[in-house]
PDB file of N, CA and C in Angstrom:
ATOM      1  N   UNK A   1       0.855  -1.185   0.000  1.00  0.00           N
ATOM      2  CA  UNK A   1       0.000   0.000   0.000  1.00  0.00           C
ATOM      3  C   UNK A   1       0.894   1.240   0.000  1.00  0.00           C
ATOM      4  N   UNK A   2       0.651   2.169  -0.917  1.00  0.00           N
ATOM      5  CA  UNK A   2       1.473   3.382  -0.950  1.00  0.00           C
ATOM      6  C   UNK A   2       1.241   4.242   0.282  1.00  0.00           C
ATOM      7  N   UNK A   3       2.267   5.001   0.606  1.00  0.00           N
ATOM      8  CA  UNK A   3       2.191   5.896   1.757  1.00  0.00           C
ATOM      9  C   UNK A   3       2.600   7.298   1.320  1.00  0.00           C
ATOM     10  N   UNK A   4       2.226   8.267   2.131  1.00  0.00           N
ATOM     11  CA  UNK A   4       2.591   9.660   1.879  1.00  0.00           C
ATOM     12  C   UNK A   4       3.504  10.140   2.988  1.00  0.00           C
ATOM     13  N   UNK A   5       4.626  10.738   2.595  1.00  0.00           N
ATOM     14  CA  UNK A   5       5.510  11.368   3.580  1.00  0.00           C
ATOM     15  C   UNK A   5       5.228  12.862   3.531  1.00  0.00           C
ATOM     16  N   UNK A   6       4.808  13.412   4.646  1.00  0.00           N
ATOM     17  CA  UNK A   6       4.456  14.826   4.733  1.00  0.00           C
ATOM     18  C   UNK A   6       5.512  15.519   5.585  1.00  0.00           C
ATOM     19  N   UNK A   7       6.106  16.583   5.034  1.00  0.00           N
ATOM     20  CA  UNK A   7       7.152  17.332   5.713  1.00  0.00           C
ATOM     21  C   UNK A   7       6.707  18.774   5.865  1.00  0.00           C
ATOM     22  N   UNK A   8       6.817  19.302   7.066  1.00  0.00           N
ATOM     23  CA  UNK A   8       6.465  20.704   7.289  1.00  0.00           C
ATOM     24  C   UNK A   8       7.655  21.563   6.884  1.00  0.00           C
ATOM     25  N   UNK A   9       7.423  22.542   5.986  1.00  0.00           N
ATOM     26  CA  UNK A   9       8.496  23.396   5.493  1.00  0.00           C
ATOM     27  C   UNK A   9       8.318  24.859   5.890  1.00  0.00           C
ATOM     28  N   UNK A  10       7.143  25.228   6.350  1.00  0.00           N
ATOM     29  CA  UNK A  10       6.901  26.596   6.816  1.00  0.00           C
ATOM     30  C   UNK A  10       6.166  26.542   8.137  1.00  0.00           C
ATOM     31  N   UNK A  11       6.296  27.590   8.904  1.00  0.00           N
ATOM     32  CA  UNK A  11       5.681  27.671  10.220  1.00  0.00           C
ATOM     33  C   UNK A  11       4.179  27.917  10.130  1.00  0.00           C
ATOM     34  N   UNK A  12       3.457  27.442  11.131  1.00  0.00           N
ATOM     35  CA  UNK A  12       2.027  27.672  11.211  1.00  0.00           C
ATOM     36  C   UNK A  12       1.687  28.961  11.948  1.00  0.00           C
ATOM     37  N   UNK A  13       2.704  29.650  12.451  1.00  0.00           N
ATOM     38  CA  UNK A  13       2.469  30.905  13.158  1.00  0.00           C
ATOM     39  C   UNK A  13       1.883  31.919  12.180  1.00  0.00           C
ATOM     40  N   UNK A  14       0.827  32.578  12.592  1.00  0.00           N
ATOM     41  CA  UNK A  14       0.190  33.583  11.756  1.00  0.00           C
ATOM     42  C   UNK A  14      -0.868  33.009  10.827  1.00  0.00           C
ATOM     43  N   UNK A  15      -1.000  31.697  10.809  1.00  0.00           N
ATOM     44  CA  UNK A  15      -2.025  31.064   9.978  1.00  0.00           C
ATOM     45  C   UNK A  15      -3.357  31.060  10.719  1.00  0.00           C
ATOM     46  N   UNK A  16      -4.416  30.826   9.974  1.00  0.00           N
ATOM     47  CA  UNK A  16      -5.727  30.720  10.588  1.00  0.00           C
ATOM     48  C   UNK A  16      -5.765  29.487  11.484  1.00  0.00           C
ATOM     49  N   UNK A  17      -6.598  29.507  12.511  1.00  0.00           N
ATOM     50  CA  UNK A  17      -6.673  28.372  13.435  1.00  0.00           C
ATOM     51  C   UNK A  17      -6.962  27.037  12.753  1.00  0.00           C
ATOM     52  N   UNK A  18      -7.757  27.036  11.710  1.00  0.00           N
ATOM     53  CA  UNK A  18      -8.071  25.783  11.024  1.00  0.00           C
ATOM     54  C   UNK A  18      -6.816  25.168  10.416  1.00  0.00           C
ATOM     55  N   UNK A  19      -5.957  25.982   9.828  1.00  0.00           N
ATOM     56  CA  UNK A  19      -4.716  25.478   9.234  1.00  0.00           C
ATOM     57  C   UNK A  19      -3.784  24.957  10.320  1.00  0.00           C
ATOM     58  N   UNK A  20      -3.720  25.637  11.446  1.00  0.00           N
ATOM     59  CA  UNK A  20      -2.862  25.195  12.547  1.00  0.00           C
ATOM     60  C   UNK A  20      -3.364  23.872  13.124  1.00  0.00           C
ATOM     61  N   UNK A  21      -4.670  23.724  13.219  1.00  0.00           N
ATOM     62  CA  UNK A  21      -5.234  22.464  13.717  1.00  0.00           C
ATOM     63  C   UNK A  21      -4.995  21.330  12.725  1.00  0.00           C
ATOM     64  N   UNK A  22      -5.027  21.637  11.447  1.00  0.00           N
ATOM     65  CA  UNK A  22      -4.765  20.615  10.431  1.00  0.00           C
ATOM     66  C   UNK A  22      -3.327  20.125  10.536  1.00  0.00           C
ATOM     67  N   UNK A  23      -2.380  21.035  10.743  1.00  0.00           N
ATOM     68  CA  UNK A  23      -0.987  20.625  10.939  1.00  0.00           C
ATOM     69  C   UNK A  23      -0.867  19.682  12.127  1.00  0.00           C
ATOM     70  N   UNK A  24      -1.521  20.033  13.227  1.00  0.00           N
ATOM     71  CA  UNK A  24      -1.471  19.199  14.432  1.00  0.00           C
ATOM     72  C   UNK A  24      -2.117  17.846  14.185  1.00  0.00           C
ATOM     73  N   UNK A  25      -3.219  17.830  13.433  1.00  0.00           N
ATOM     74  CA  UNK A  25      -3.904  16.574  13.144  1.00  0.00           C
ATOM     75  C   UNK A  25      -3.035  15.664  12.270  1.00  0.00           C
ATOM     76  N   UNK A  26      -2.203  16.258  11.435  1.00  0.00           N
ATOM     77  CA  UNK A  26      -1.275  15.479  10.629  1.00  0.00           C
ATOM     78  C   UNK A  26      -0.098  14.966  11.461  1.00  0.00           C
ATOM     79  N   UNK A  27       0.092  15.525  12.638  1.00  0.00           N
ATOM     80  CA  UNK A  27       1.195  15.103  13.501  1.00  0.00           C
ATOM     81  C   UNK A  27       2.424  15.973  13.357  1.00  0.00           C
ATOM     82  N   UNK A  28       2.260  17.173  12.806  1.00  0.00           N
ATOM     83  CA  UNK A  28       3.379  18.086  12.588  1.00  0.00           C
ATOM     84  C   UNK A  28       3.358  19.180  13.641  1.00  0.00           C
ATOM     85  N   UNK A  29       4.541  19.464  14.204  1.00  0.00           N
ATOM     86  CA  UNK A  29       4.625  20.465  15.253  1.00  0.00           C
ATOM     87  C   UNK A  29       5.536  21.620  14.891  1.00  0.00           C
ATOM     88  N   UNK A  30       6.650  21.328  14.206  1.00  0.00           N
ATOM     89  CA  UNK A  30       7.598  22.387  13.881  1.00  0.00           C
ATOM     90  C   UNK A  30       8.233  22.123  12.519  1.00  0.00           C
ATOM     91  N   UNK A  31       8.925  23.125  12.000  1.00  0.00           N
ATOM     92  CA  UNK A  31       9.555  23.023  10.692  1.00  0.00           C
ATOM     93  C   UNK A  31      10.546  21.857  10.692  1.00  0.00           C
ATOM     94  N   UNK A  32      10.481  21.057   9.652  1.00  0.00           N
ATOM     95  CA  UNK A  32      11.383  19.922   9.519  1.00  0.00           C
ATOM     96  C   UNK A  32      10.784  18.611   9.976  1.00  0.00           C
ATOM     97  N   UNK A  33       9.678  18.659  10.696  1.00  0.00           N
ATOM     98  CA  UNK A  33       9.016  17.420  11.132  1.00  0.00           C
ATOM     99  C   UNK A  33       8.508  16.653   9.919  1.00  0.00           C
ATOM    100  N   UNK A  34       8.646  15.327   9.977  1.00  0.00           N
ATOM    101  CA  UNK A  34       8.149  14.458   8.916  1.00  0.00           C
ATOM    102  C   UNK A  34       7.283  13.374   9.526  1.00  0.00           C
ATOM    103  N   UNK A  35       6.202  13.066   8.844  1.00  0.00           N
ATOM    104  CA  UNK A  35       5.337  11.961   9.248  1.00  0.00           C
ATOM    105  C   UNK A  35       4.966  11.159   8.010  1.00  0.00           C
ATOM    106  N   UNK A  36       4.708   9.881   8.212  1.00  0.00           N
ATOM    107  CA  UNK A  36       4.300   9.005   7.123  1.00  0.00           C
ATOM    108  C   UNK A  36       2.895   8.509   7.433  1.00  0.00           C
ATOM    109  N   UNK A  37       1.998   8.713   6.493  1.00  0.00           N
ATOM    110  CA  UNK A  37       0.608   8.284   6.640  1.00  0.00           C
ATOM    111  C   UNK A  37       0.241   7.392   5.458  1.00  0.00           C
ATOM    112  N   UNK A  38      -0.760   6.561   5.668  1.00  0.00           N
ATOM    113  CA  UNK A  38      -1.299   5.773   4.563  1.00  0.00           C
ATOM    114  C   UNK A  38      -1.899   6.722   3.529  1.00  0.00           C
ATOM    115  N   UNK A  39      -1.795   6.354   2.265  1.00  0.00           N
ATOM    116  CA  UNK A  39      -2.323   7.191   1.190  1.00  0.00           C
ATOM    117  C   UNK A  39      -3.836   7.025   1.136  1.00  0.00           C
ATOM    118  N   UNK A  40      -4.524   7.901   1.857  1.00  0.00           N
ATOM    119  CA  UNK A  40      -5.981   7.866   1.935  1.00  0.00           C
ATOM    120  C   UNK A  40      -6.533   9.226   1.536  1.00  0.00           C
ATOM    121  N   UNK A  41      -7.758   9.278   1.077  1.00  0.00           N
ATOM    122  CA  UNK A  41      -8.350  10.559   0.667  1.00  0.00           C
ATOM    123  C   UNK A  41      -8.374  11.591   1.795  1.00  0.00           C
ATOM    124  N   UNK A  42      -8.558  11.139   3.030  1.00  0.00           N
ATOM    125  CA  UNK A  42      -8.619  12.068   4.158  1.00  0.00           C
ATOM    126  C   UNK A  42      -7.271  12.766   4.351  1.00  0.00           C
ATOM    127  N   UNK A  43      -6.196  12.006   4.262  1.00  0.00           N
ATOM    128  CA  UNK A  43      -4.859  12.560   4.452  1.00  0.00           C
ATOM    129  C   UNK A  43      -4.498  13.475   3.288  1.00  0.00           C
ATOM    130  N   UNK A  44      -4.852  13.067   2.072  1.00  0.00           N
ATOM    131  CA  UNK A  44      -4.582  13.919   0.909  1.00  0.00           C
ATOM    132  C   UNK A  44      -5.333  15.248   1.027  1.00  0.00           C
ATOM    133  N   UNK A  45      -6.553  15.206   1.517  1.00  0.00           N
ATOM    134  CA  UNK A  45      -7.330  16.430   1.688  1.00  0.00           C
ATOM    135  C   UNK A  45      -6.731  17.347   2.734  1.00  0.00           C
ATOM    136  N   UNK A  46      -6.251  16.757   3.820  1.00  0.00           N
ATOM    137  CA  UNK A  46      -5.612  17.564   4.860  1.00  0.00           C
ATOM    138  C   UNK A  46      -4.330  18.204   4.336  1.00  0.00           C
ATOM    139  N   UNK A  47      -3.536  17.436   3.598  1.00  0.00           N
ATOM    140  CA  UNK A  47      -2.304  17.975   3.025  1.00  0.00           C
ATOM    141  C   UNK A  47      -2.614  19.070   2.008  1.00  0.00           C
ATOM    142  N   UNK A  48      -3.682  18.903   1.262  1.00  0.00           N
ATOM    143  CA  UNK A  48      -4.093  19.910   0.284  1.00  0.00           C
ATOM    144  C   UNK A  48      -4.508  21.207   0.981  1.00  0.00           C
ATOM    145  N   UNK A  49      -5.133  21.082   2.137  1.00  0.00           N
ATOM    146  CA  UNK A  49      -5.602  22.266   2.861  1.00  0.00           C
ATOM    147  C   UNK A  49      -4.444  23.118   3.371  1.00  0.00           C
ATOM    148  N   UNK A  50      -3.301  22.500   3.638  1.00  0.00           N
ATOM    149  CA  UNK A  50      -2.143  23.246   4.135  1.00  0.00           C
ATOM    150  C   UNK A  50      -0.964  23.104   3.164  1.00  0.00           C
ATOM    151  N   UNK A  51      -1.259  23.033   1.880  1.00  0.00           N
ATOM    152  CA  UNK A  51      -0.236  22.789   0.870  1.00  0.00           C
ATOM    153  C   UNK A  51       0.835  23.872   0.840  1.00  0.00           C
ATOM    154  N   UNK A  52       0.527  25.053   1.325  1.00  0.00           N
ATOM    155  CA  UNK A  52       1.510  26.134   1.344  1.00  0.00           C
ATOM    156  C   UNK A  52       2.483  26.003   2.520  1.00  0.00           C
ATOM    157  N   UNK A  53       2.224  25.053   3.423  1.00  0.00           N
ATOM    158  CA  UNK A  53       3.076  24.858   4.589  1.00  0.00           C
ATOM    159  C   UNK A  53       3.834  23.532   4.568  1.00  0.00           C
ATOM    160  N   UNK A  54       3.435  22.609   3.700  1.00  0.00           N
ATOM    161  CA  UNK A  54       4.012  21.274   3.701  1.00  0.00           C
ATOM    162  C   UNK A  54       4.458  20.855   2.305  1.00  0.00           C
ATOM    163  N   UNK A  55       5.326  19.826   2.293  1.00  0.00           N
ATOM    164  CA  UNK A  55       5.676  19.123   1.058  1.00  0.00           C
ATOM    165  C   UNK A  55       5.214  17.689   1.225  1.00  0.00           C
ATOM    166  N   UNK A  56       4.676  17.128   0.148  1.00  0.00           N
ATOM    167  CA  UNK A  56       4.157  15.765   0.191  1.00  0.00           C
ATOM    168  C   UNK A  56       4.848  14.949  -0.887  1.00  0.00           C
ATOM    169  N   UNK A  57       5.304  13.748  -0.516  1.00  0.00           N
ATOM    170  CA  UNK A  57       5.853  12.843  -1.526  1.00  0.00           C
ATOM    171  C   UNK A  57       5.359  11.431  -1.255  1.00  0.00           C
ATOM    172  N   UNK A  58       5.218  10.673  -2.325  1.00  0.00           N
ATOM    173  CA  UNK A  58       4.739   9.305  -2.215  1.00  0.00           C
ATOM    174  C   UNK A  58       5.912   8.385  -1.907  1.00  0.00           C
ATOM    175  N   UNK A  59       5.681   7.435  -0.996  1.00  0.00           N
ATOM    176  CA  UNK A  59       6.695   6.477  -0.597  1.00  0.00           C
ATOM    177  C   UNK A  59       6.078   5.091  -0.728  1.00  0.00           C
ATOM    178  N   UNK A  60       6.848   4.138  -1.189  1.00  0.00           N
ATOM    179  CA  UNK A  60       6.346   2.768  -1.291  1.00  0.00           C
ATOM    180  C   UNK A  60       6.898   1.900  -0.201  1.00  0.00           C
TER     181      UNK A  60
END
């Protein structure tokens, strides 16, 4: 099953509360944090919502 590696590249400071909560829900706390999630529509949607703060790459 493919997985997504999500890396936080920008700070959530100054962002709207919804974007900050999305970062936390993804498991990201600070710049440079990386998490691996299953490639699911929910995770892709969350990453899309904060696409200006994260980088996403597919991992097998």
